Amino acid sequence: MLYDVTVLSIRPGGTPKSLPLLNEWITGNKGRGELLACWYTDIGALNRVLLIRGYADETSLGADRAALAPREDRFGVGDALTGVETETYVSFPFIEPIKAGSYGPVYEVRTYLLKPGGLAGTMEAWRKSVPERMKLGPTPRFVHIWPYASLEQRQRIRKEAVEKKIWPPPGGPDRLLAQQTDIYLPAPFSPLR
């Protein structure tokens, strides 16, 4: 499964008005991918809306991007849209595909920049550490997404994982150049809630 991750930058104060417009646009522009998530930032880089779509193959993903690129009404939010960032991700082979459902409503999204050559070691560290970490709160993940029922639950689970020495994976931070954490909440129409 391929994941198209698009982050929409919205003018300050524009997210509440933009979400219903975005929902209408998504409903009228289904494309070839499956909408998995539509979240907005609550903590971190604000005024951002994150869309995750799942695709079976590169051809379908490429066709949807090509159809979207020339449109002036991209995402249907008008002049509230100030920027668009789009990336493609592939899940580690030992992580289950993302499935719609209620896992949050608080989603911690961590983005990492790996050192050159750091991917193989990171994958092996995660392969060893993820099963134990998931016992504290089994979750679907993407890039590094952990859903929580609340910020308090997030703190408790993170503390427990560190105390039990099951997270972060051994050597994990040594492979990183930078990291960012943002907290997202689901839009009312998000399949991942």
N, C-alpha and C. Protein backbone atom coordinates (compact mmCIF):
# COMPACT_ATOMS: atom_id res chain seq x y z
N MET A 1 0.85 -1.18 0.00
CA MET A 1 0.00 0.00 0.00
C MET A 1 0.88 1.23 0.00
N LEU A 2 0.53 2.18 -0.83
CA LEU A 2 1.18 3.49 -0.86
C LEU A 2 0.28 4.49 -0.16
N TYR A 3 0.89 5.44 0.52
CA TYR A 3 0.13 6.47 1.21
C TYR A 3 0.51 7.84 0.67
N ASP A 4 -0.49 8.56 0.20
CA ASP A 4 -0.32 9.94 -0.21
C ASP A 4 -0.66 10.79 1.01
N VAL A 5 0.31 11.58 1.44
CA VAL A 5 0.11 12.45 2.59
C VAL A 5 0.21 13.89 2.10
N THR A 6 -0.87 14.61 2.25
CA THR A 6 -0.93 16.01 1.82
C THR A 6 -1.20 16.87 3.04
N VAL A 7 -0.39 17.89 3.20
CA VAL A 7 -0.60 18.85 4.28
C VAL A 7 -0.99 20.18 3.64
N LEU A 8 -2.18 20.63 3.99
CA LEU A 8 -2.68 21.91 3.50
C LEU A 8 -2.39 22.98 4.56
N SER A 9 -1.76 24.05 4.15
CA SER A 9 -1.57 25.19 5.05
C SER A 9 -2.75 26.13 4.82
N ILE A 10 -3.37 26.51 5.91
CA ILE A 10 -4.58 27.32 5.88
C ILE A 10 -4.30 28.66 6.56
N ARG A 11 -4.90 29.72 6.06
CA ARG A 11 -4.72 31.03 6.69
C ARG A 11 -5.10 30.96 8.17
N PRO A 12 -4.42 31.72 9.03
CA PRO A 12 -4.77 31.72 10.45
C PRO A 12 -6.26 31.97 10.66
N GLY A 13 -6.86 31.15 11.48
CA GLY A 13 -8.28 31.26 11.79
C GLY A 13 -9.20 30.65 10.74
N GLY A 14 -8.64 30.13 9.66
CA GLY A 14 -9.47 29.62 8.56
C GLY A 14 -9.83 28.15 8.61
N THR A 15 -9.24 27.39 9.51
CA THR A 15 -9.49 25.94 9.52
C THR A 15 -10.96 25.61 9.79
N PRO A 16 -11.64 26.20 10.77
CA PRO A 16 -13.04 25.82 10.99
C PRO A 16 -13.93 26.03 9.76
N LYS A 17 -13.70 27.09 9.00
CA LYS A 17 -14.49 27.33 7.79
C LYS A 17 -14.06 26.42 6.65
N SER A 18 -12.78 26.05 6.63
CA SER A 18 -12.25 25.26 5.53
C SER A 18 -12.66 23.79 5.58
N LEU A 19 -12.83 23.23 6.77
CA LEU A 19 -13.13 21.79 6.87
C LEU A 19 -14.43 21.40 6.17
N PRO A 20 -15.56 22.11 6.35
CA PRO A 20 -16.77 21.73 5.61
C PRO A 20 -16.59 21.86 4.10
N LEU A 21 -15.87 22.88 3.66
CA LEU A 21 -15.61 23.06 2.23
C LEU A 21 -14.74 21.92 1.70
N LEU A 22 -13.74 21.54 2.48
CA LEU A 22 -12.87 20.43 2.09
C LEU A 22 -13.67 19.13 2.01
N ASN A 23 -14.57 18.90 2.95
CA ASN A 23 -15.42 17.71 2.92
C ASN A 23 -16.25 17.66 1.64
N GLU A 24 -16.84 18.79 1.27
CA GLU A 24 -17.62 18.85 0.03
C GLU A 24 -16.74 18.54 -1.17
N TRP A 25 -15.54 19.10 -1.19
CA TRP A 25 -14.63 18.89 -2.30
C TRP A 25 -14.23 17.42 -2.40
N ILE A 26 -13.89 16.81 -1.26
CA ILE A 26 -13.48 15.40 -1.25
C ILE A 26 -14.63 14.52 -1.72
N THR A 27 -15.84 14.80 -1.27
CA THR A 27 -17.01 14.02 -1.67
C THR A 27 -17.22 14.09 -3.19
N GLY A 28 -16.98 15.23 -3.79
CA GLY A 28 -17.17 15.40 -5.23
C GLY A 28 -15.97 15.01 -6.07
N ASN A 29 -14.85 14.71 -5.44
CA ASN A 29 -13.61 14.39 -6.16
C ASN A 29 -12.97 13.14 -5.55
N LYS A 30 -13.64 12.03 -5.65
CA LYS A 30 -13.20 10.80 -4.98
C LYS A 30 -11.82 10.33 -5.44
N GLY A 31 -11.56 10.37 -6.74
CA GLY A 31 -10.27 9.90 -7.24
C GLY A 31 -10.14 8.39 -7.10
N ARG A 32 -8.93 7.92 -7.24
CA ARG A 32 -8.65 6.48 -7.22
C ARG A 32 -8.22 5.97 -5.85
N GLY A 33 -7.85 6.88 -4.96
CA GLY A 33 -7.39 6.48 -3.64
C GLY A 33 -8.52 6.45 -2.63
N GLU A 34 -8.22 5.85 -1.48
CA GLU A 34 -9.19 5.78 -0.39
C GLU A 34 -8.81 6.79 0.68
N LEU A 35 -9.73 7.70 1.00
CA LEU A 35 -9.48 8.65 2.07
C LEU A 35 -9.41 7.88 3.38
N LEU A 36 -8.29 8.03 4.09
CA LEU A 36 -8.11 7.36 5.37
C LEU A 36 -8.19 8.33 6.54
N ALA A 37 -7.71 9.56 6.33
CA ALA A 37 -7.71 10.51 7.44
C ALA A 37 -7.77 11.94 6.93
N CYS A 38 -8.45 12.76 7.70
CA CYS A 38 -8.42 14.22 7.53
C CYS A 38 -8.37 14.77 8.95
N TRP A 39 -7.22 15.31 9.31
CA TRP A 39 -6.99 15.83 10.65
C TRP A 39 -6.51 17.27 10.57
N TYR A 40 -6.70 18.01 11.64
CA TYR A 40 -6.19 19.38 11.71
C TYR A 40 -5.34 19.52 12.97
N THR A 41 -4.34 20.40 12.90
CA THR A 41 -3.42 20.54 14.02
C THR A 41 -4.07 21.26 15.19
N ASP A 42 -3.72 20.78 16.37
CA ASP A 42 -4.16 21.40 17.62
C ASP A 42 -2.95 21.90 18.40
N ILE A 43 -1.83 21.19 18.27
CA ILE A 43 -0.58 21.56 18.93
C ILE A 43 0.53 21.33 17.92
N GLY A 44 1.46 22.27 17.82
CA GLY A 44 2.56 22.16 16.87
C GLY A 44 2.44 23.23 15.81
N ALA A 45 2.77 22.87 14.57
CA ALA A 45 2.64 23.81 13.45
C ALA A 45 1.15 23.99 13.17
N LEU A 46 0.59 25.12 13.55
CA LEU A 46 -0.86 25.33 13.49
C LEU A 46 -1.34 25.69 12.09
N ASN A 47 -2.68 25.66 11.93
CA ASN A 47 -3.34 26.01 10.67
C ASN A 47 -2.94 25.06 9.55
N ARG A 48 -2.88 23.79 9.89
CA ARG A 48 -2.54 22.77 8.91
C ARG A 48 -3.60 21.68 8.95
N VAL A 49 -3.91 21.16 7.79
CA VAL A 49 -4.85 20.03 7.65
C VAL A 49 -4.09 18.91 6.96
N LEU A 50 -4.10 17.74 7.55
CA LEU A 50 -3.39 16.59 7.02
C LEU A 50 -4.39 15.62 6.40
N LEU A 51 -4.16 15.26 5.15
CA LEU A 51 -4.98 14.26 4.45
C LEU A 51 -4.11 13.04 4.19
N ILE A 52 -4.65 11.87 4.48
CA ILE A 52 -3.97 10.62 4.14
C ILE A 52 -4.90 9.82 3.24
N ARG A 53 -4.37 9.44 2.08
CA ARG A 53 -5.10 8.58 1.15
C ARG A 53 -4.26 7.35 0.88
N GLY A 54 -4.93 6.21 0.82
CA GLY A 54 -4.26 4.96 0.51
C GLY A 54 -4.44 4.60 -0.96
N TYR A 55 -3.39 4.08 -1.58
CA TYR A 55 -3.41 3.70 -3.00
C TYR A 55 -2.84 2.30 -3.17
N ALA A 56 -3.43 1.55 -4.09
CA ALA A 56 -2.97 0.20 -4.38
C ALA A 56 -1.69 0.20 -5.21
N ASP A 57 -1.49 1.25 -6.03
CA ASP A 57 -0.33 1.25 -6.92
C ASP A 57 0.07 2.68 -7.29
N GLU A 58 1.28 2.80 -7.84
CA GLU A 58 1.83 4.10 -8.21
C GLU A 58 1.06 4.74 -9.36
N THR A 59 0.52 3.93 -10.27
CA THR A 59 -0.22 4.47 -11.41
C THR A 59 -1.45 5.24 -10.94
N SER A 60 -2.21 4.68 -10.01
CA SER A 60 -3.41 5.34 -9.49
C SER A 60 -3.05 6.62 -8.74
N LEU A 61 -2.02 6.54 -7.92
CA LEU A 61 -1.59 7.72 -7.17
C LEU A 61 -1.13 8.81 -8.13
N GLY A 62 -0.34 8.46 -9.12
CA GLY A 62 0.15 9.42 -10.10
C GLY A 62 -0.97 10.06 -10.90
N ALA A 63 -1.97 9.27 -11.27
CA ALA A 63 -3.11 9.79 -12.04
C ALA A 63 -3.88 10.82 -11.22
N ASP A 64 -4.10 10.54 -9.94
CA ASP A 64 -4.82 11.49 -9.10
C ASP A 64 -4.03 12.79 -8.92
N ARG A 65 -2.73 12.68 -8.73
CA ARG A 65 -1.91 13.89 -8.58
C ARG A 65 -1.89 14.69 -9.88
N ALA A 66 -1.78 14.00 -11.00
CA ALA A 66 -1.76 14.70 -12.30
C ALA A 66 -3.07 15.43 -12.55
N ALA A 67 -4.19 14.81 -12.16
CA ALA A 67 -5.50 15.44 -12.36
C ALA A 67 -5.68 16.65 -11.44
N LEU A 68 -5.07 16.62 -10.29
CA LEU A 68 -5.21 17.70 -9.31
C LEU A 68 -4.31 18.91 -9.60
N ALA A 69 -3.14 18.66 -10.12
CA ALA A 69 -2.12 19.71 -10.27
C ALA A 69 -2.60 20.96 -11.01
N PRO A 70 -3.28 20.85 -12.15
CA PRO A 70 -3.63 22.07 -12.88
C PRO A 70 -4.88 22.79 -12.38
N ARG A 71 -5.59 22.20 -11.43
CA ARG A 71 -6.86 22.78 -10.99
C ARG A 71 -6.65 24.01 -10.13
N GLU A 72 -7.44 25.03 -10.39
CA GLU A 72 -7.39 26.24 -9.57
C GLU A 72 -8.16 26.07 -8.27
N ASP A 73 -9.11 25.14 -8.24
CA ASP A 73 -9.93 24.94 -7.04
C ASP A 73 -9.41 23.78 -6.19
N ARG A 74 -8.10 23.57 -6.21
CA ARG A 74 -7.55 22.45 -5.45
C ARG A 74 -8.06 22.46 -4.02
N PHE A 75 -8.71 21.40 -3.65
CA PHE A 75 -9.21 21.15 -2.31
C PHE A 75 -10.41 22.01 -1.91
N GLY A 76 -10.86 22.89 -2.78
CA GLY A 76 -12.12 23.59 -2.57
C GLY A 76 -12.19 24.59 -1.45
N VAL A 77 -11.06 25.01 -0.89
CA VAL A 77 -11.10 25.93 0.24
C VAL A 77 -10.78 27.36 -0.15
N GLY A 78 -10.68 27.61 -1.44
CA GLY A 78 -10.49 28.97 -1.94
C GLY A 78 -9.22 29.62 -1.46
N ASP A 79 -9.31 30.93 -1.16
CA ASP A 79 -8.12 31.68 -0.79
C ASP A 79 -7.65 31.42 0.65
N ALA A 80 -8.34 30.54 1.36
CA ALA A 80 -7.86 30.13 2.68
C ALA A 80 -6.61 29.25 2.56
N LEU A 81 -6.42 28.63 1.40
CA LEU A 81 -5.28 27.75 1.16
C LEU A 81 -4.04 28.59 0.86
N THR A 82 -3.01 28.43 1.68
CA THR A 82 -1.77 29.20 1.48
C THR A 82 -0.61 28.33 1.04
N GLY A 83 -0.75 27.00 1.12
CA GLY A 83 0.33 26.12 0.70
C GLY A 83 -0.10 24.66 0.71
N VAL A 84 0.59 23.86 -0.09
CA VAL A 84 0.31 22.42 -0.17
C VAL A 84 1.64 21.68 -0.20
N GLU A 85 1.78 20.69 0.66
CA GLU A 85 2.95 19.80 0.66
C GLU A 85 2.43 18.38 0.46
N THR A 86 2.99 17.66 -0.50
CA THR A 86 2.54 16.30 -0.77
C THR A 86 3.74 15.36 -0.79
N GLU A 87 3.60 14.24 -0.11
CA GLU A 87 4.65 13.23 -0.06
C GLU A 87 4.02 11.85 -0.22
N THR A 88 4.83 10.89 -0.63
CA THR A 88 4.39 9.50 -0.74
C THR A 88 5.18 8.69 0.27
N TYR A 89 4.48 7.84 1.01
CA TYR A 89 5.12 6.97 1.99
C TYR A 89 4.73 5.52 1.75
N VAL A 90 5.64 4.62 2.14
CA VAL A 90 5.39 3.19 2.10
C VAL A 90 5.62 2.69 3.52
N SER A 91 4.70 1.90 4.02
CA SER A 91 4.82 1.39 5.38
C SER A 91 5.95 0.37 5.49
N PHE A 92 6.56 0.30 6.67
CA PHE A 92 7.52 -0.78 6.91
C PHE A 92 6.78 -2.10 6.72
N PRO A 93 7.44 -3.14 6.20
CA PRO A 93 6.75 -4.38 5.86
C PRO A 93 6.11 -5.10 7.07
N PHE A 94 6.54 -4.82 8.27
CA PHE A 94 6.00 -5.50 9.45
C PHE A 94 4.90 -4.69 10.13
N ILE A 95 4.48 -3.57 9.54
CA ILE A 95 3.40 -2.74 10.09
C ILE A 95 2.14 -3.01 9.28
N GLU A 96 1.04 -3.23 9.98
CA GLU A 96 -0.24 -3.48 9.31
C GLU A 96 -0.70 -2.24 8.55
N PRO A 97 -1.41 -2.42 7.43
CA PRO A 97 -1.95 -1.25 6.71
C PRO A 97 -2.92 -0.46 7.57
N ILE A 98 -3.02 0.82 7.27
CA ILE A 98 -3.94 1.70 7.99
C ILE A 98 -5.37 1.28 7.67
N LYS A 99 -6.19 1.21 8.70
CA LYS A 99 -7.61 0.88 8.53
C LYS A 99 -8.45 1.95 9.21
N ALA A 100 -9.55 2.31 8.57
CA ALA A 100 -10.45 3.30 9.16
C ALA A 100 -10.99 2.79 10.49
N GLY A 101 -11.25 3.70 11.41
CA GLY A 101 -11.81 3.34 12.70
C GLY A 101 -11.56 4.43 13.72
N SER A 102 -12.05 4.20 14.93
CA SER A 102 -11.87 5.16 16.02
C SER A 102 -10.72 4.69 16.90
N TYR A 103 -9.62 5.42 16.84
CA TYR A 103 -8.43 5.07 17.62
C TYR A 103 -7.99 6.23 18.51
N GLY A 104 -8.45 7.44 18.23
CA GLY A 104 -8.00 8.65 18.89
C GLY A 104 -8.97 9.06 19.97
N PRO A 105 -9.25 10.32 20.01
CA PRO A 105 -9.19 11.31 18.94
C PRO A 105 -7.91 12.15 18.90
N VAL A 106 -6.92 11.86 19.72
CA VAL A 106 -5.68 12.63 19.71
C VAL A 106 -4.65 11.82 18.93
N TYR A 107 -4.11 12.41 17.86
CA TYR A 107 -3.12 11.74 17.03
C TYR A 107 -1.79 12.49 17.08
N GLU A 108 -0.78 11.81 17.59
CA GLU A 108 0.56 12.37 17.61
C GLU A 108 1.24 11.96 16.30
N VAL A 109 1.67 12.93 15.53
CA VAL A 109 2.34 12.67 14.25
C VAL A 109 3.78 13.15 14.39
N ARG A 110 4.70 12.21 14.31
CA ARG A 110 6.12 12.55 14.39
C ARG A 110 6.75 12.38 13.03
N THR A 111 7.48 13.38 12.62
CA THR A 111 8.18 13.34 11.34
C THR A 111 9.66 13.38 11.63
N TYR A 112 10.39 12.45 11.02
CA TYR A 112 11.83 12.35 11.25
C TYR A 112 12.59 12.56 9.96
N LEU A 113 13.76 13.16 10.07
CA LEU A 113 14.72 13.22 8.98
C LEU A 113 15.87 12.32 9.40
N LEU A 114 16.05 11.23 8.64
CA LEU A 114 17.09 10.26 8.96
C LEU A 114 18.44 10.71 8.42
N LYS A 115 19.49 10.28 9.08
CA LYS A 115 20.83 10.49 8.56
C LYS A 115 20.97 9.64 7.29
N PRO A 116 21.83 10.05 6.36
CA PRO A 116 22.06 9.22 5.17
C PRO A 116 22.47 7.81 5.59
N GLY A 117 21.86 6.82 4.99
CA GLY A 117 22.15 5.42 5.31
C GLY A 117 21.47 4.92 6.57
N GLY A 118 20.62 5.73 7.20
CA GLY A 118 20.00 5.34 8.47
C GLY A 118 18.75 4.50 8.36
N LEU A 119 18.22 4.29 7.16
CA LEU A 119 16.95 3.59 7.02
C LEU A 119 17.03 2.12 7.44
N ALA A 120 18.03 1.39 7.00
CA ALA A 120 18.10 -0.05 7.32
C ALA A 120 18.17 -0.29 8.82
N GLY A 121 19.01 0.46 9.52
CA GLY A 121 19.13 0.30 10.97
C GLY A 121 17.86 0.70 11.70
N THR A 122 17.20 1.74 11.20
CA THR A 122 15.93 2.18 11.80
C THR A 122 14.87 1.11 11.64
N MET A 123 14.78 0.53 10.44
CA MET A 123 13.79 -0.53 10.22
C MET A 123 14.03 -1.71 11.15
N GLU A 124 15.29 -2.11 11.32
CA GLU A 124 15.59 -3.25 12.19
C GLU A 124 15.28 -2.93 13.65
N ALA A 125 15.60 -1.72 14.10
CA ALA A 125 15.29 -1.33 15.48
C ALA A 125 13.79 -1.33 15.71
N TRP A 126 13.03 -0.80 14.75
CA TRP A 126 11.58 -0.77 14.88
C TRP A 126 11.02 -2.19 14.86
N ARG A 127 11.55 -3.04 14.00
CA ARG A 127 11.06 -4.42 13.91
C ARG A 127 11.14 -5.10 15.28
N LYS A 128 12.20 -4.80 16.03
CA LYS A 128 12.39 -5.41 17.34
C LYS A 128 11.56 -4.73 18.43
N SER A 129 11.35 -3.43 18.33
CA SER A 129 10.72 -2.68 19.41
C SER A 129 9.21 -2.49 19.28
N VAL A 130 8.69 -2.46 18.07
CA VAL A 130 7.27 -2.17 17.87
C VAL A 130 6.35 -3.17 18.57
N PRO A 131 6.62 -4.50 18.53
CA PRO A 131 5.68 -5.41 19.20
C PRO A 131 5.47 -5.12 20.69
N GLU A 132 6.54 -4.84 21.41
CA GLU A 132 6.40 -4.53 22.84
C GLU A 132 5.72 -3.19 23.05
N ARG A 133 6.06 -2.20 22.22
CA ARG A 133 5.45 -0.87 22.35
C ARG A 133 3.95 -0.95 22.08
N MET A 134 3.54 -1.78 21.13
CA MET A 134 2.12 -1.90 20.78
C MET A 134 1.31 -2.55 21.91
N LYS A 135 1.95 -3.32 22.76
CA LYS A 135 1.24 -3.92 23.90
C LYS A 135 0.73 -2.85 24.86
N LEU A 136 1.36 -1.67 24.85
CA LEU A 136 0.92 -0.58 25.72
C LEU A 136 -0.28 0.17 25.12
N GLY A 137 -0.55 -0.06 23.86
CA GLY A 137 -1.65 0.60 23.17
C GLY A 137 -1.56 0.27 21.70
N PRO A 138 -2.13 -0.87 21.28
CA PRO A 138 -2.02 -1.26 19.87
C PRO A 138 -2.61 -0.18 18.98
N THR A 139 -1.87 0.16 17.96
CA THR A 139 -2.27 1.29 17.15
C THR A 139 -1.87 1.11 15.69
N PRO A 140 -2.67 1.67 14.77
CA PRO A 140 -2.18 1.77 13.41
C PRO A 140 -1.23 2.97 13.36
N ARG A 141 -0.18 2.87 12.59
CA ARG A 141 0.79 3.95 12.51
C ARG A 141 1.07 4.28 11.07
N PHE A 142 1.52 5.46 10.90
CA PHE A 142 1.91 5.93 9.59
C PHE A 142 3.03 6.91 9.81
N VAL A 143 4.14 6.67 9.20
CA VAL A 143 5.35 7.44 9.43
C VAL A 143 5.71 7.28 10.90
N HIS A 144 4.97 7.85 11.78
CA HIS A 144 5.11 7.61 13.22
C HIS A 144 3.88 8.25 13.83
N ILE A 145 2.77 7.57 13.71
CA ILE A 145 1.50 8.09 14.21
C ILE A 145 1.03 7.21 15.36
N TRP A 146 0.76 7.85 16.48
CA TRP A 146 0.24 7.13 17.64
C TRP A 146 -1.07 7.78 18.05
N PRO A 147 -2.18 7.06 18.01
CA PRO A 147 -3.44 7.65 18.48
C PRO A 147 -3.61 7.44 19.99
N TYR A 148 -4.23 8.41 20.60
CA TYR A 148 -4.50 8.36 22.04
C TYR A 148 -5.90 8.88 22.32
N ALA A 149 -6.47 8.44 23.41
CA ALA A 149 -7.79 8.93 23.82
C ALA A 149 -7.70 10.35 24.38
N SER A 150 -6.49 10.73 24.88
CA SER A 150 -6.32 12.05 25.47
C SER A 150 -4.83 12.36 25.55
N LEU A 151 -4.51 13.62 25.84
CA LEU A 151 -3.11 13.99 26.04
C LEU A 151 -2.56 13.34 27.31
N GLU A 152 -3.43 13.14 28.30
CA GLU A 152 -3.00 12.48 29.54
C GLU A 152 -2.59 11.03 29.25
N GLN A 153 -3.38 10.34 28.42
CA GLN A 153 -3.02 8.97 28.06
C GLN A 153 -1.70 8.94 27.30
N ARG A 154 -1.49 9.90 26.43
CA ARG A 154 -0.23 9.99 25.69
C ARG A 154 0.94 10.08 26.66
N GLN A 155 0.85 10.96 27.65
CA GLN A 155 1.93 11.12 28.63
C GLN A 155 2.17 9.83 29.40
N ARG A 156 1.08 9.18 29.84
CA ARG A 156 1.21 7.95 30.62
C ARG A 156 1.89 6.85 29.82
N ILE A 157 1.46 6.64 28.58
CA ILE A 157 2.02 5.56 27.75
C ILE A 157 3.47 5.87 27.38
N ARG A 158 3.77 7.12 27.05
CA ARG A 158 5.15 7.47 26.71
C ARG A 158 6.07 7.22 27.91
N LYS A 159 5.61 7.61 29.10
CA LYS A 159 6.42 7.41 30.31
C LYS A 159 6.63 5.91 30.57
N GLU A 160 5.57 5.13 30.44
CA GLU A 160 5.67 3.68 30.67
C GLU A 160 6.61 3.03 29.66
N ALA A 161 6.55 3.43 28.41
CA ALA A 161 7.41 2.86 27.38
C ALA A 161 8.88 3.14 27.67
N VAL A 162 9.18 4.35 28.14
CA VAL A 162 10.56 4.71 28.47
C VAL A 162 11.01 3.95 29.72
N GLU A 163 10.16 3.89 30.74
CA GLU A 163 10.52 3.19 31.98
C GLU A 163 10.79 1.71 31.73
N LYS A 164 10.01 1.10 30.83
CA LYS A 164 10.20 -0.32 30.51
C LYS A 164 11.32 -0.55 29.49
N LYS A 165 11.92 0.55 29.02
CA LYS A 165 13.02 0.51 28.05
C LYS A 165 12.62 -0.18 26.75
N ILE A 166 11.35 0.01 26.36
CA ILE A 166 10.91 -0.56 25.08
C ILE A 166 10.74 0.53 24.02
N TRP A 167 10.88 1.78 24.42
CA TRP A 167 10.78 2.87 23.46
C TRP A 167 11.55 4.06 23.98
N PRO A 168 12.31 4.75 23.18
CA PRO A 168 12.51 4.56 21.76
C PRO A 168 13.36 3.33 21.48
N PRO A 169 13.31 2.83 20.25
CA PRO A 169 14.12 1.67 19.89
C PRO A 169 15.60 1.96 20.15
N PRO A 170 16.35 0.97 20.62
CA PRO A 170 17.78 1.18 20.87
C PRO A 170 18.48 1.73 19.62
N GLY A 171 19.23 2.79 19.82
CA GLY A 171 19.97 3.39 18.71
C GLY A 171 19.12 4.27 17.80
N GLY A 172 17.81 4.30 18.03
CA GLY A 172 16.92 5.07 17.16
C GLY A 172 17.30 6.53 17.03
N PRO A 173 17.45 7.26 18.14
CA PRO A 173 17.80 8.67 18.05
C PRO A 173 19.16 8.92 17.38
N ASP A 174 20.08 7.94 17.44
CA ASP A 174 21.40 8.12 16.83
C ASP A 174 21.32 8.21 15.31
N ARG A 175 20.24 7.75 14.72
CA ARG A 175 20.09 7.75 13.27
C ARG A 175 19.35 8.99 12.74
N LEU A 176 19.00 9.90 13.64
CA LEU A 176 18.18 11.05 13.26
C LEU A 176 18.98 12.33 13.13
N LEU A 177 18.54 13.17 12.18
CA LEU A 177 19.08 14.52 12.05
C LEU A 177 18.12 15.54 12.66
N ALA A 178 16.82 15.27 12.55
CA ALA A 178 15.81 16.20 13.05
C ALA A 178 14.51 15.45 13.27
N GLN A 179 13.64 16.02 14.10
CA GLN A 179 12.31 15.45 14.32
C GLN A 179 11.35 16.57 14.69
N GLN A 180 10.07 16.34 14.39
CA GLN A 180 9.01 17.30 14.72
C GLN A 180 7.80 16.51 15.17
N THR A 181 7.12 17.01 16.17
CA THR A 181 5.88 16.39 16.64
C THR A 181 4.75 17.40 16.52
N ASP A 182 3.64 16.94 15.98
CA ASP A 182 2.42 17.75 15.92
C ASP A 182 1.28 16.89 16.46
N ILE A 183 0.35 17.53 17.12
CA ILE A 183 -0.84 16.84 17.62
C ILE A 183 -2.02 17.24 16.74
N TYR A 184 -2.69 16.23 16.19
CA TYR A 184 -3.83 16.45 15.30
C TYR A 184 -5.11 15.91 15.92
N LEU A 185 -6.20 16.51 15.53
CA LEU A 185 -7.54 16.05 15.90
C LEU A 185 -8.30 15.76 14.61
N PRO A 186 -9.21 14.76 14.61
CA PRO A 186 -9.91 14.41 13.38
C PRO A 186 -11.01 15.40 13.02
N ALA A 187 -11.11 15.67 11.71
CA ALA A 187 -12.25 16.42 11.20
C ALA A 187 -13.49 15.53 11.38
N PRO A 188 -14.68 16.10 11.45
CA PRO A 188 -15.90 15.30 11.66
C PRO A 188 -16.11 14.19 10.63
N PHE A 189 -15.57 14.35 9.42
CA PHE A 189 -15.77 13.38 8.35
C PHE A 189 -14.59 12.44 8.16
N SER A 190 -13.59 12.49 9.01
CA SER A 190 -12.40 11.67 8.87
C SER A 190 -12.70 10.19 9.13
N PRO A 191 -12.32 9.28 8.23
CA PRO A 191 -12.50 7.85 8.50
C PRO A 191 -11.69 7.36 9.72
N LEU A 192 -10.48 7.92 9.90
CA LEU A 192 -9.71 7.63 11.11
C LEU A 192 -10.09 8.68 12.13
N ARG A 193 -10.72 8.25 13.23
CA ARG A 193 -11.21 9.18 14.24
C ARG A 193 -10.54 8.93 15.58
